[in-house]
Structure formats: C-alpha cells, structure tokens
Amino acid sequence: CIFEFVYLARPDSVIDGISVYETRLRMGE
C-alpha cells in the first residue's frame, strides 16, 4: 500500500526494504 509511505507508517520504519523516511524526502524533492 503506497499510503503507508505517504502517511500511515512511522518514518523510522522500513517496509519491504523501503525506508519510509527516505521516500518522504524524495516526495519533497
């Protein structure tokens, strides 16, 4: 679920090998 990375999950989590925090940085870029 892509909404996990947008909002649901904590930024310090890693889901399916994907850092939530890093995805949010890239969303900003």
mmCIF file of all heavy atoms, coordinates in Angstrom:
data_MODEL
# 
_entry.id   MODEL 
# 
loop_
_atom_site.group_PDB 
_atom_site.id 
_atom_site.type_symbol 
_atom_site.label_atom_id 
_atom_site.label_alt_id 
_atom_site.label_comp_id 
_atom_site.label_asym_id 
_atom_site.label_entity_id 
_atom_site.label_seq_id 
_atom_site.pdbx_PDB_ins_code 
_atom_site.Cartn_x 
_atom_site.Cartn_y 
_atom_site.Cartn_z 
_atom_site.occupancy 
_atom_site.B_iso_or_equiv 
_atom_site.pdbx_formal_charge 
_atom_site.auth_seq_id 
_atom_site.auth_comp_id 
_atom_site.auth_asym_id 
_atom_site.auth_atom_id 
_atom_site.pdbx_PDB_model_num 
ATOM 1   N N   . CYS A 1 1  ? 0.844  -1.198 0.000  1.00 0.00 ? 1  CYS A N   1 
ATOM 2   C CA  . CYS A 1 1  ? 0.000  0.000  0.000  1.00 0.00 ? 1  CYS A CA  1 
ATOM 3   C C   . CYS A 1 1  ? 0.877  1.245  0.000  1.00 0.00 ? 1  CYS A C   1 
ATOM 4   O O   . CYS A 1 1  ? 1.681  1.457  0.910  1.00 0.00 ? 1  CYS A O   1 
ATOM 5   C CB  . CYS A 1 1  ? -0.898 -0.010 1.229  1.00 0.00 ? 1  CYS A CB  1 
ATOM 6   S SG  . CYS A 1 1  ? -1.822 1.514  1.473  1.00 0.00 ? 1  CYS A SG  1 
ATOM 7   N N   . ILE A 1 2  ? 0.703  2.089  -1.000 1.00 0.00 ? 2  ILE A N   1 
ATOM 8   C CA  . ILE A 1 2  ? 1.561  3.267  -1.116 1.00 0.00 ? 2  ILE A CA  1 
ATOM 9   C C   . ILE A 1 2  ? 1.219  4.313  -0.067 1.00 0.00 ? 2  ILE A C   1 
ATOM 10  O O   . ILE A 1 2  ? 2.055  5.156  0.281  1.00 0.00 ? 2  ILE A O   1 
ATOM 11  C CB  . ILE A 1 2  ? 1.499  3.851  -2.545 1.00 0.00 ? 2  ILE A CB  1 
ATOM 12  C CG1 . ILE A 1 2  ? 2.783  4.624  -2.845 1.00 0.00 ? 2  ILE A CG1 1 
ATOM 13  C CG2 . ILE A 1 2  ? 0.232  4.686  -2.752 1.00 0.00 ? 2  ILE A CG2 1 
ATOM 14  C CD1 . ILE A 1 2  ? 3.022  4.879  -4.308 1.00 0.00 ? 2  ILE A CD1 1 
ATOM 15  N N   . PHE A 1 3  ? 0.003  4.255  0.494  1.00 0.00 ? 3  PHE A N   1 
ATOM 16  C CA  . PHE A 1 3  ? -0.377 5.228  1.515  1.00 0.00 ? 3  PHE A CA  1 
ATOM 17  C C   . PHE A 1 3  ? 0.373  4.991  2.821  1.00 0.00 ? 3  PHE A C   1 
ATOM 18  O O   . PHE A 1 3  ? 0.469  5.898  3.650  1.00 0.00 ? 3  PHE A O   1 
ATOM 19  C CB  . PHE A 1 3  ? -1.893 5.193  1.744  1.00 0.00 ? 3  PHE A CB  1 
ATOM 20  C CG  . PHE A 1 3  ? -2.464 6.524  2.127  1.00 0.00 ? 3  PHE A CG  1 
ATOM 21  C CD1 . PHE A 1 3  ? -2.642 7.520  1.191  1.00 0.00 ? 3  PHE A CD1 1 
ATOM 22  C CD2 . PHE A 1 3  ? -2.840 6.785  3.435  1.00 0.00 ? 3  PHE A CD2 1 
ATOM 23  C CE1 . PHE A 1 3  ? -3.160 8.752  1.536  1.00 0.00 ? 3  PHE A CE1 1 
ATOM 24  C CE2 . PHE A 1 3  ? -3.368 8.019  3.800  1.00 0.00 ? 3  PHE A CE2 1 
ATOM 25  C CZ  . PHE A 1 3  ? -3.532 9.004  2.847  1.00 0.00 ? 3  PHE A CZ  1 
ATOM 26  N N   . GLU A 1 4  ? 0.922  3.775  3.018  1.00 0.00 ? 4  GLU A N   1 
ATOM 27  C CA  . GLU A 1 4  ? 1.788  3.536  4.175  1.00 0.00 ? 4  GLU A CA  1 
ATOM 28  C C   . GLU A 1 4  ? 2.966  4.503  4.152  1.00 0.00 ? 4  GLU A C   1 
ATOM 29  O O   . GLU A 1 4  ? 3.371  5.036  5.189  1.00 0.00 ? 4  GLU A O   1 
ATOM 30  C CB  . GLU A 1 4  ? 2.309  2.094  4.164  1.00 0.00 ? 4  GLU A CB  1 
ATOM 31  C CG  . GLU A 1 4  ? 1.263  1.024  4.423  1.00 0.00 ? 4  GLU A CG  1 
ATOM 32  C CD  . GLU A 1 4  ? 0.960  0.827  5.905  1.00 0.00 ? 4  GLU A CD  1 
ATOM 33  O OE1 . GLU A 1 4  ? 1.627  1.461  6.749  1.00 0.00 ? 4  GLU A OE1 1 
ATOM 34  O OE2 . GLU A 1 4  ? 0.041  0.052  6.205  1.00 0.00 ? 4  GLU A OE2 1 
ATOM 35  N N   . PHE A 1 5  ? 3.528  4.734  2.970  1.00 0.00 ? 5  PHE A N   1 
ATOM 36  C CA  . PHE A 1 5  ? 4.702  5.592  2.838  1.00 0.00 ? 5  PHE A CA  1 
ATOM 37  C C   . PHE A 1 5  ? 4.339  7.064  2.892  1.00 0.00 ? 5  PHE A C   1 
ATOM 38  O O   . PHE A 1 5  ? 5.122  7.896  3.349  1.00 0.00 ? 5  PHE A O   1 
ATOM 39  C CB  . PHE A 1 5  ? 5.435  5.257  1.539  1.00 0.00 ? 5  PHE A CB  1 
ATOM 40  C CG  . PHE A 1 5  ? 5.848  3.817  1.447  1.00 0.00 ? 5  PHE A CG  1 
ATOM 41  C CD1 . PHE A 1 5  ? 5.074  2.895  0.766  1.00 0.00 ? 5  PHE A CD1 1 
ATOM 42  C CD2 . PHE A 1 5  ? 6.985  3.366  2.093  1.00 0.00 ? 5  PHE A CD2 1 
ATOM 43  C CE1 . PHE A 1 5  ? 5.430  1.556  0.698  1.00 0.00 ? 5  PHE A CE1 1 
ATOM 44  C CE2 . PHE A 1 5  ? 7.357  2.032  2.041  1.00 0.00 ? 5  PHE A CE2 1 
ATOM 45  C CZ  . PHE A 1 5  ? 6.575  1.124  1.344  1.00 0.00 ? 5  PHE A CZ  1 
ATOM 46  N N   . VAL A 1 6  ? 3.141  7.394  2.448  1.00 0.00 ? 6  VAL A N   1 
ATOM 47  C CA  . VAL A 1 6  ? 2.685  8.785  2.466  1.00 0.00 ? 6  VAL A CA  1 
ATOM 48  C C   . VAL A 1 6  ? 2.375  9.223  3.889  1.00 0.00 ? 6  VAL A C   1 
ATOM 49  O O   . VAL A 1 6  ? 2.769  10.321 4.312  1.00 0.00 ? 6  VAL A O   1 
ATOM 50  C CB  . VAL A 1 6  ? 1.435  8.942  1.579  1.00 0.00 ? 6  VAL A CB  1 
ATOM 51  C CG1 . VAL A 1 6  ? 0.802  10.324 1.771  1.00 0.00 ? 6  VAL A CG1 1 
ATOM 52  C CG2 . VAL A 1 6  ? 1.791  8.734  0.121  1.00 0.00 ? 6  VAL A CG2 1 
ATOM 53  N N   . TYR A 1 7  ? 1.680  8.386  4.648  1.00 0.00 ? 7  TYR A N   1 
ATOM 54  C CA  . TYR A 1 7  ? 1.103  8.865  5.904  1.00 0.00 ? 7  TYR A CA  1 
ATOM 55  C C   . TYR A 1 7  ? 1.078  7.848  7.040  1.00 0.00 ? 7  TYR A C   1 
ATOM 56  O O   . TYR A 1 7  ? 1.393  8.171  8.177  1.00 0.00 ? 7  TYR A O   1 
ATOM 57  C CB  . TYR A 1 7  ? -0.335 9.337  5.626  1.00 0.00 ? 7  TYR A CB  1 
ATOM 58  C CG  . TYR A 1 7  ? -1.156 9.670  6.843  1.00 0.00 ? 7  TYR A CG  1 
ATOM 59  C CD1 . TYR A 1 7  ? -0.867 10.797 7.616  1.00 0.00 ? 7  TYR A CD1 1 
ATOM 60  C CD2 . TYR A 1 7  ? -2.220 8.865  7.241  1.00 0.00 ? 7  TYR A CD2 1 
ATOM 61  C CE1 . TYR A 1 7  ? -1.620 11.115 8.734  1.00 0.00 ? 7  TYR A CE1 1 
ATOM 62  C CE2 . TYR A 1 7  ? -2.980 9.180  8.362  1.00 0.00 ? 7  TYR A CE2 1 
ATOM 63  C CZ  . TYR A 1 7  ? -2.676 10.306 9.106  1.00 0.00 ? 7  TYR A CZ  1 
ATOM 64  O OH  . TYR A 1 7  ? -3.420 10.618 10.207 1.00 0.00 ? 7  TYR A OH  1 
ATOM 65  N N   . LEU A 1 8  ? 0.713  6.589  6.762  1.00 0.00 ? 8  LEU A N   1 
ATOM 66  C CA  . LEU A 1 8  ? 0.351  5.669  7.836  1.00 0.00 ? 8  LEU A CA  1 
ATOM 67  C C   . LEU A 1 8  ? 1.531  5.244  8.690  1.00 0.00 ? 8  LEU A C   1 
ATOM 68  O O   . LEU A 1 8  ? 1.447  5.219  9.917  1.00 0.00 ? 8  LEU A O   1 
ATOM 69  C CB  . LEU A 1 8  ? -0.332 4.428  7.255  1.00 0.00 ? 8  LEU A CB  1 
ATOM 70  C CG  . LEU A 1 8  ? -1.615 4.668  6.456  1.00 0.00 ? 8  LEU A CG  1 
ATOM 71  C CD1 . LEU A 1 8  ? -2.175 3.336  5.969  1.00 0.00 ? 8  LEU A CD1 1 
ATOM 72  C CD2 . LEU A 1 8  ? -2.645 5.403  7.297  1.00 0.00 ? 8  LEU A CD2 1 
ATOM 73  N N   . ALA A 1 9  ? 2.633  4.853  8.063  1.00 0.00 ? 9  ALA A N   1 
ATOM 74  C CA  . ALA A 1 9  ? 3.752  4.261  8.792  1.00 0.00 ? 9  ALA A CA  1 
ATOM 75  C C   . ALA A 1 9  ? 4.611  5.332  9.464  1.00 0.00 ? 9  ALA A C   1 
ATOM 76  O O   . ALA A 1 9  ? 4.646  6.488  9.034  1.00 0.00 ? 9  ALA A O   1 
ATOM 77  C CB  . ALA A 1 9  ? 4.610  3.430  7.843  1.00 0.00 ? 9  ALA A CB  1 
ATOM 78  N N   . ARG A 1 10 ? 5.292  4.920  10.527 1.00 0.00 ? 10 ARG A N   1 
ATOM 79  C CA  . ARG A 1 10 ? 6.256  5.823  11.158 1.00 0.00 ? 10 ARG A CA  1 
ATOM 80  C C   . ARG A 1 10 ? 7.450  6.032  10.235 1.00 0.00 ? 10 ARG A C   1 
ATOM 81  O O   . ARG A 1 10 ? 7.861  5.105  9.524  1.00 0.00 ? 10 ARG A O   1 
ATOM 82  C CB  . ARG A 1 10 ? 6.728  5.243  12.493 1.00 0.00 ? 10 ARG A CB  1 
ATOM 83  C CG  . ARG A 1 10 ? 5.849  5.642  13.647 1.00 0.00 ? 10 ARG A CG  1 
ATOM 84  C CD  . ARG A 1 10 ? 6.308  5.139  14.992 1.00 0.00 ? 10 ARG A CD  1 
ATOM 85  N NE  . ARG A 1 10 ? 7.728  5.249  15.276 1.00 0.00 ? 10 ARG A NE  1 
ATOM 86  C CZ  . ARG A 1 10 ? 8.228  5.264  16.520 1.00 0.00 ? 10 ARG A CZ  1 
ATOM 87  N NH1 . ARG A 1 10 ? 7.412  5.201  17.559 1.00 0.00 ? 10 ARG A NH1 1 
ATOM 88  N NH2 . ARG A 1 10 ? 9.529  5.332  16.715 1.00 0.00 ? 10 ARG A NH2 1 
ATOM 89  N N   . PRO A 1 11 ? 8.042  7.231  10.241 1.00 0.00 ? 11 PRO A N   1 
ATOM 90  C CA  . PRO A 1 11 ? 9.153  7.493  9.311  1.00 0.00 ? 11 PRO A CA  1 
ATOM 91  C C   . PRO A 1 11 ? 10.382 6.639  9.569  1.00 0.00 ? 11 PRO A C   1 
ATOM 92  O O   . PRO A 1 11 ? 11.190 6.426  8.654  1.00 0.00 ? 11 PRO A O   1 
ATOM 93  C CB  . PRO A 1 11 ? 9.454  8.985  9.523  1.00 0.00 ? 11 PRO A CB  1 
ATOM 94  C CG  . PRO A 1 11 ? 8.842  9.327  10.842 1.00 0.00 ? 11 PRO A CG  1 
ATOM 95  C CD  . PRO A 1 11 ? 7.660  8.427  10.999 1.00 0.00 ? 11 PRO A CD  1 
ATOM 96  N N   . ASP A 1 12 ? 10.528 6.122  10.802 1.00 0.00 ? 12 ASP A N   1 
ATOM 97  C CA  . ASP A 1 12 ? 11.706 5.315  11.110 1.00 0.00 ? 12 ASP A CA  1 
ATOM 98  C C   . ASP A 1 12 ? 11.494 3.836  10.806 1.00 0.00 ? 12 ASP A C   1 
ATOM 99  O O   . ASP A 1 12 ? 12.333 3.004  11.173 1.00 0.00 ? 12 ASP A O   1 
ATOM 100 C CB  . ASP A 1 12 ? 12.142 5.502  12.560 1.00 0.00 ? 12 ASP A CB  1 
ATOM 101 C CG  . ASP A 1 12 ? 10.994 5.459  13.562 1.00 0.00 ? 12 ASP A CG  1 
ATOM 102 O OD1 . ASP A 1 12 ? 9.829  5.572  13.137 1.00 0.00 ? 12 ASP A OD1 1 
ATOM 103 O OD2 . ASP A 1 12 ? 11.259 5.334  14.769 1.00 0.00 ? 12 ASP A OD2 1 
ATOM 104 N N   . SER A 1 13 ? 10.400 3.498  10.121 1.00 0.00 ? 13 SER A N   1 
ATOM 105 C CA  . SER A 1 13 ? 10.161 2.116  9.721  1.00 0.00 ? 13 SER A CA  1 
ATOM 106 C C   . SER A 1 13 ? 10.705 1.844  8.322  1.00 0.00 ? 13 SER A C   1 
ATOM 107 O O   . SER A 1 13 ? 10.851 2.757  7.502  1.00 0.00 ? 13 SER A O   1 
ATOM 108 C CB  . SER A 1 13 ? 8.657  1.804  9.744  1.00 0.00 ? 13 SER A CB  1 
ATOM 109 O OG  . SER A 1 13 ? 8.193  1.636  11.062 1.00 0.00 ? 13 SER A OG  1 
ATOM 110 N N   . VAL A 1 14 ? 10.975 0.573  8.079  1.00 0.00 ? 14 VAL A N   1 
ATOM 111 C CA  . VAL A 1 14 ? 11.358 0.088  6.753  1.00 0.00 ? 14 VAL A CA  1 
ATOM 112 C C   . VAL A 1 14 ? 10.345 -0.980 6.364  1.00 0.00 ? 14 VAL A C   1 
ATOM 113 O O   . VAL A 1 14 ? 10.150 -1.960 7.092  1.00 0.00 ? 14 VAL A O   1 
ATOM 114 C CB  . VAL A 1 14 ? 12.784 -0.494 6.740  1.00 0.00 ? 14 VAL A CB  1 
ATOM 115 C CG1 . VAL A 1 14 ? 13.129 -1.048 5.361  1.00 0.00 ? 14 VAL A CG1 1 
ATOM 116 C CG2 . VAL A 1 14 ? 13.789 0.571  7.158  1.00 0.00 ? 14 VAL A CG2 1 
ATOM 117 N N   . ILE A 1 15 ? 9.668  -0.778 5.233  1.00 0.00 ? 15 ILE A N   1 
ATOM 118 C CA  . ILE A 1 15 ? 8.623  -1.693 4.778  1.00 0.00 ? 15 ILE A CA  1 
ATOM 119 C C   . ILE A 1 15 ? 9.024  -2.256 3.424  1.00 0.00 ? 15 ILE A C   1 
ATOM 120 O O   . ILE A 1 15 ? 9.266  -1.493 2.484  1.00 0.00 ? 15 ILE A O   1 
ATOM 121 C CB  . ILE A 1 15 ? 7.269  -0.969 4.668  1.00 0.00 ? 15 ILE A CB  1 
ATOM 122 C CG1 . ILE A 1 15 ? 6.821  -0.472 6.041  1.00 0.00 ? 15 ILE A CG1 1 
ATOM 123 C CG2 . ILE A 1 15 ? 6.208  -1.879 4.063  1.00 0.00 ? 15 ILE A CG2 1 
ATOM 124 C CD1 . ILE A 1 15 ? 5.573  0.395  6.001  1.00 0.00 ? 15 ILE A CD1 1 
ATOM 125 N N   . ASP A 1 16 ? 9.113  -3.575 3.329  1.00 0.00 ? 16 ASP A N   1 
ATOM 126 C CA  . ASP A 1 16 ? 9.506  -4.239 2.087  1.00 0.00 ? 16 ASP A CA  1 
ATOM 127 C C   . ASP A 1 16 ? 10.806 -3.658 1.525  1.00 0.00 ? 16 ASP A C   1 
ATOM 128 O O   . ASP A 1 16 ? 10.947 -3.430 0.326  1.00 0.00 ? 16 ASP A O   1 
ATOM 129 C CB  . ASP A 1 16 ? 8.373  -4.157 1.057  1.00 0.00 ? 16 ASP A CB  1 
ATOM 130 C CG  . ASP A 1 16 ? 7.150  -4.950 1.487  1.00 0.00 ? 16 ASP A CG  1 
ATOM 131 O OD1 . ASP A 1 16 ? 7.308  -6.140 1.815  1.00 0.00 ? 16 ASP A OD1 1 
ATOM 132 O OD2 . ASP A 1 16 ? 6.043  -4.380 1.517  1.00 0.00 ? 16 ASP A OD2 1 
ATOM 133 N N   . GLY A 1 17 ? 11.738 -3.420 2.427  1.00 0.00 ? 17 GLY A N   1 
ATOM 134 C CA  . GLY A 1 17 ? 13.046 -2.904 2.030  1.00 0.00 ? 17 GLY A CA  1 
ATOM 135 C C   . GLY A 1 17 ? 13.055 -1.432 1.650  1.00 0.00 ? 17 GLY A C   1 
ATOM 136 O O   . GLY A 1 17 ? 14.041 -0.947 1.093  1.00 0.00 ? 17 GLY A O   1 
ATOM 137 N N   . ILE A 1 18 ? 11.995 -0.715 1.972  1.00 0.00 ? 18 ILE A N   1 
ATOM 138 C CA  . ILE A 1 18 ? 11.876 0.690  1.598  1.00 0.00 ? 18 ILE A CA  1 
ATOM 139 C C   . ILE A 1 18 ? 11.813 1.537  2.859  1.00 0.00 ? 18 ILE A C   1 
ATOM 140 O O   . ILE A 1 18 ? 10.901 1.387  3.680  1.00 0.00 ? 18 ILE A O   1 
ATOM 141 C CB  . ILE A 1 18 ? 10.616 0.935  0.740  1.00 0.00 ? 18 ILE A CB  1 
ATOM 142 C CG1 . ILE A 1 18 ? 10.665 0.076  -0.527 1.00 0.00 ? 18 ILE A CG1 1 
ATOM 143 C CG2 . ILE A 1 18 ? 10.475 2.405  0.378  1.00 0.00 ? 18 ILE A CG2 1 
ATOM 144 C CD1 . ILE A 1 18 ? 9.365  0.116  -1.329 1.00 0.00 ? 18 ILE A CD1 1 
ATOM 145 N N   . SER A 1 19 ? 12.767 2.440  3.026  1.00 0.00 ? 19 SER A N   1 
ATOM 146 C CA  . SER A 1 19 ? 12.766 3.358  4.155  1.00 0.00 ? 19 SER A CA  1 
ATOM 147 C C   . SER A 1 19 ? 11.645 4.374  3.986  1.00 0.00 ? 19 SER A C   1 
ATOM 148 O O   . SER A 1 19 ? 11.598 5.105  2.994  1.00 0.00 ? 19 SER A O   1 
ATOM 149 C CB  . SER A 1 19 ? 14.117 4.093  4.247  1.00 0.00 ? 19 SER A CB  1 
ATOM 150 O OG  . SER A 1 19 ? 14.013 5.249  5.045  1.00 0.00 ? 19 SER A OG  1 
ATOM 151 N N   . VAL A 1 20 ? 10.742 4.427  4.956  1.00 0.00 ? 20 VAL A N   1 
ATOM 152 C CA  . VAL A 1 20 ? 9.638  5.382  4.889  1.00 0.00 ? 20 VAL A CA  1 
ATOM 153 C C   . VAL A 1 20 ? 10.170 6.809  4.900  1.00 0.00 ? 20 VAL A C   1 
ATOM 154 O O   . VAL A 1 20 ? 9.706  7.666  4.141  1.00 0.00 ? 20 VAL A O   1 
ATOM 155 C CB  . VAL A 1 20 ? 8.657  5.148  6.062  1.00 0.00 ? 20 VAL A CB  1 
ATOM 156 C CG1 . VAL A 1 20 ? 7.563  6.216  6.072  1.00 0.00 ? 20 VAL A CG1 1 
ATOM 157 C CG2 . VAL A 1 20 ? 8.045  3.755  5.971  1.00 0.00 ? 20 VAL A CG2 1 
ATOM 158 N N   . TYR A 1 21 ? 11.157 7.077  5.718  1.00 0.00 ? 21 TYR A N   1 
ATOM 159 C CA  . TYR A 1 21 ? 11.724 8.424  5.806  1.00 0.00 ? 21 TYR A CA  1 
ATOM 160 C C   . TYR A 1 21 ? 12.334 8.854  4.472  1.00 0.00 ? 21 TYR A C   1 
ATOM 161 O O   . TYR A 1 21 ? 12.104 9.982  4.001  1.00 0.00 ? 21 TYR A O   1 
ATOM 162 C CB  . TYR A 1 21 ? 12.785 8.466  6.906  1.00 0.00 ? 21 TYR A CB  1 
ATOM 163 C CG  . TYR A 1 21 ? 13.430 9.818  7.082  1.00 0.00 ? 21 TYR A CG  1 
ATOM 164 C CD1 . TYR A 1 21 ? 12.742 10.858 7.700  1.00 0.00 ? 21 TYR A CD1 1 
ATOM 165 C CD2 . TYR A 1 21 ? 14.726 10.055 6.632  1.00 0.00 ? 21 TYR A CD2 1 
ATOM 166 C CE1 . TYR A 1 21 ? 13.334 12.101 7.865  1.00 0.00 ? 21 TYR A CE1 1 
ATOM 167 C CE2 . TYR A 1 21 ? 15.322 11.294 6.796  1.00 0.00 ? 21 TYR A CE2 1 
ATOM 168 C CZ  . TYR A 1 21 ? 14.626 12.320 7.413  1.00 0.00 ? 21 TYR A CZ  1 
ATOM 169 O OH  . TYR A 1 21 ? 15.211 13.550 7.569  1.00 0.00 ? 21 TYR A OH  1 
ATOM 170 N N   . GLU A 1 22 ? 13.078 7.939  3.860  1.00 0.00 ? 22 GLU A N   1 
ATOM 171 C CA  . GLU A 1 22 ? 13.727 8.298  2.592  1.00 0.00 ? 22 GLU A CA  1 
ATOM 172 C C   . GLU A 1 22 ? 12.696 8.567  1.500  1.00 0.00 ? 22 GLU A C   1 
ATOM 173 O O   . GLU A 1 22 ? 12.860 9.471  0.690  1.00 0.00 ? 22 GLU A O   1 
ATOM 174 C CB  . GLU A 1 22 ? 14.687 7.193  2.148  1.00 0.00 ? 22 GLU A CB  1 
ATOM 175 C CG  . GLU A 1 22 ? 15.538 7.593  0.950  1.00 0.00 ? 22 GLU A CG  1 
ATOM 176 C CD  . GLU A 1 22 ? 16.638 6.602  0.643  1.00 0.00 ? 22 GLU A CD  1 
ATOM 177 O OE1 . GLU A 1 22 ? 16.835 5.643  1.430  1.00 0.00 ? 22 GLU A OE1 1 
ATOM 178 O OE2 . GLU A 1 22 ? 17.315 6.770  -0.389 1.00 0.00 ? 22 GLU A OE2 1 
ATOM 179 N N   . THR A 1 23 ? 11.607 7.808  1.496  1.00 0.00 ? 23 THR A N   1 
ATOM 180 C CA  . THR A 1 23 ? 10.575 8.068  0.482  1.00 0.00 ? 23 THR A CA  1 
ATOM 181 C C   . THR A 1 23 ? 9.977  9.455  0.678  1.00 0.00 ? 23 THR A C   1 
ATOM 182 O O   . THR A 1 23 ? 9.687  10.156 -0.300 1.00 0.00 ? 23 THR A O   1 
ATOM 183 C CB  . THR A 1 23 ? 9.440  7.020  0.537  1.00 0.00 ? 23 THR A CB  1 
ATOM 184 O OG1 . THR A 1 23 ? 8.763  7.091  1.785  1.00 0.00 ? 23 THR A OG1 1 
ATOM 185 C CG2 . THR A 1 23 ? 9.974  5.631  0.316  1.00 0.00 ? 23 THR A CG2 1 
ATOM 186 N N   . ARG A 1 24 ? 9.791  9.870  1.915  1.00 0.00 ? 24 ARG A N   1 
ATOM 187 C CA  . ARG A 1 24 ? 9.191  11.180 2.162  1.00 0.00 ? 24 ARG A CA  1 
ATOM 188 C C   . ARG A 1 24 ? 10.138 12.311 1.782  1.00 0.00 ? 24 ARG A C   1 
ATOM 189 O O   . ARG A 1 24 ? 9.696  13.374 1.323  1.00 0.00 ? 24 ARG A O   1 
ATOM 190 C CB  . ARG A 1 24 ? 8.736  11.276 3.623  1.00 0.00 ? 24 ARG A CB  1 
ATOM 191 C CG  . ARG A 1 24 ? 7.559  10.331 3.889  1.00 0.00 ? 24 ARG A CG  1 
ATOM 192 C CD  . ARG A 1 24 ? 7.074  10.322 5.326  1.00 0.00 ? 24 ARG A CD  1 
ATOM 193 N NE  . ARG A 1 24 ? 6.016  9.316  5.474  1.00 0.00 ? 24 ARG A NE  1 
ATOM 194 C CZ  . ARG A 1 24 ? 5.487  8.939  6.626  1.00 0.00 ? 24 ARG A CZ  1 
ATOM 195 N NH1 . ARG A 1 24 ? 5.903  9.497  7.762  1.00 0.00 ? 24 ARG A NH1 1 
ATOM 196 N NH2 . ARG A 1 24 ? 4.528  8.015  6.662  1.00 0.00 ? 24 ARG A NH2 1 
ATOM 197 N N   . LEU A 1 25 ? 11.428 12.095 1.953  1.00 0.00 ? 25 LEU A N   1 
ATOM 198 C CA  . LEU A 1 25 ? 12.392 13.077 1.448  1.00 0.00 ? 25 LEU A CA  1 
ATOM 199 C C   . LEU A 1 25 ? 12.278 13.214 -0.062 1.00 0.00 ? 25 LEU A C   1 
ATOM 200 O O   . LEU A 1 25 ? 12.253 14.327 -0.616 1.00 0.00 ? 25 LEU A O   1 
ATOM 201 C CB  . LEU A 1 25 ? 13.809 12.673 1.829  1.00 0.00 ? 25 LEU A CB  1 
ATOM 202 C CG  . LEU A 1 25 ? 14.188 12.716 3.308  1.00 0.00 ? 25 LEU A CG  1 
ATOM 203 C CD1 . LEU A 1 25 ? 15.617 12.208 3.493  1.00 0.00 ? 25 LEU A CD1 1 
ATOM 204 C CD2 . LEU A 1 25 ? 14.046 14.120 3.883  1.00 0.00 ? 25 LEU A CD2 1 
ATOM 205 N N   . ARG A 1 26 ? 12.188 12.084 -0.745 1.00 0.00 ? 26 ARG A N   1 
ATOM 206 C CA  . ARG A 1 26 ? 12.110 12.117 -2.206 1.00 0.00 ? 26 ARG A CA  1 
ATOM 207 C C   . ARG A 1 26 ? 10.783 12.692 -2.695 1.00 0.00 ? 26 ARG A C   1 
ATOM 208 O O   . ARG A 1 26 ? 10.735 13.318 -3.754 1.00 0.00 ? 26 ARG A O   1 
ATOM 209 C CB  . ARG A 1 26 ? 12.355 10.715 -2.763 1.00 0.00 ? 26 ARG A CB  1 
ATOM 210 C CG  . ARG A 1 26 ? 13.744 10.203 -2.389 1.00 0.00 ? 26 ARG A CG  1 
ATOM 211 C CD  . ARG A 1 26 ? 14.188 9.008  -3.176 1.00 0.00 ? 26 ARG A CD  1 
ATOM 212 N NE  . ARG A 1 26 ? 15.499 8.559  -2.710 1.00 0.00 ? 26 ARG A NE  1 
ATOM 213 C CZ  . ARG A 1 26 ? 16.255 7.685  -3.336 1.00 0.00 ? 26 ARG A CZ  1 
ATOM 214 N NH1 . ARG A 1 26 ? 15.845 7.140  -4.473 1.00 0.00 ? 26 ARG A NH1 1 
ATOM 215 N NH2 . ARG A 1 26 ? 17.433 7.332  -2.851 1.00 0.00 ? 26 ARG A NH2 1 
ATOM 216 N N   . MET A 1 27 ? 9.717  12.492 -1.931 1.00 0.00 ? 27 MET A N   1 
ATOM 217 C CA  . MET A 1 27 ? 8.450  13.142 -2.271 1.00 0.00 ? 27 MET A CA  1 
ATOM 218 C C   . MET A 1 27 ? 8.613  14.661 -2.264 1.00 0.00 ? 27 MET A C   1 
ATOM 219 O O   . MET A 1 27 ? 8.060  15.360 -3.120 1.00 0.00 ? 27 MET A O   1 
ATOM 220 C CB  . MET A 1 27 ? 7.363  12.728 -1.274 1.00 0.00 ? 27 MET A CB  1 
ATOM 221 C CG  . MET A 1 27 ? 6.909  11.290 -1.398 1.00 0.00 ? 27 MET A CG  1 
ATOM 222 S SD  . MET A 1 27 ? 5.753  10.885 -0.035 1.00 0.00 ? 27 MET A SD  1 
ATOM 223 C CE  . MET A 1 27 ? 5.939  9.097  0.016  1.00 0.00 ? 27 MET A CE  1 
ATOM 224 N N   . GLY A 1 28 ? 9.336  15.155 -1.286 1.00 0.00 ? 28 GLY A N   1 
ATOM 225 C CA  . GLY A 1 28 ? 9.586  16.595 -1.226 1.00 0.00 ? 28 GLY A CA  1 
ATOM 226 C C   . GLY A 1 28 ? 10.382 17.092 -2.412 1.00 0.00 ? 28 GLY A C   1 
ATOM 227 O O   . GLY A 1 28 ? 10.108 18.173 -2.959 1.00 0.00 ? 28 GLY A O   1 
ATOM 228 N N   . GLU A 1 29 ? 11.360 16.303 -2.842 1.00 0.00 ? 29 GLU A N   1 
ATOM 229 C CA  . GLU A 1 29 ? 12.178 16.702 -3.988 1.00 0.00 ? 29 GLU A CA  1 
ATOM 230 C C   . GLU A 1 29 ? 11.350 16.760 -5.266 1.00 0.00 ? 29 GLU A C   1 
ATOM 231 O O   . GLU A 1 29 ? 11.440 17.734 -6.035 1.00 0.00 ? 29 GLU A O   1 
ATOM 232 C CB  . GLU A 1 29 ? 13.336 15.719 -4.152 1.00 0.00 ? 29 GLU A CB  1 
ATOM 233 C CG  . GLU A 1 29 ? 14.354 15.780 -3.027 1.00 0.00 ? 29 GLU A CG  1 
ATOM 234 C CD  . GLU A 1 29 ? 15.408 14.690 -3.140 1.00 0.00 ? 29 GLU A CD  1 
ATOM 235 O OE1 . GLU A 1 29 ? 15.275 13.837 -4.059 1.00 0.00 ? 29 GLU A OE1 1 
ATOM 236 O OE2 . GLU A 1 29 ? 16.338 14.682 -2.329 1.00 0.00 ? 29 GLU A OE2 1 
# 
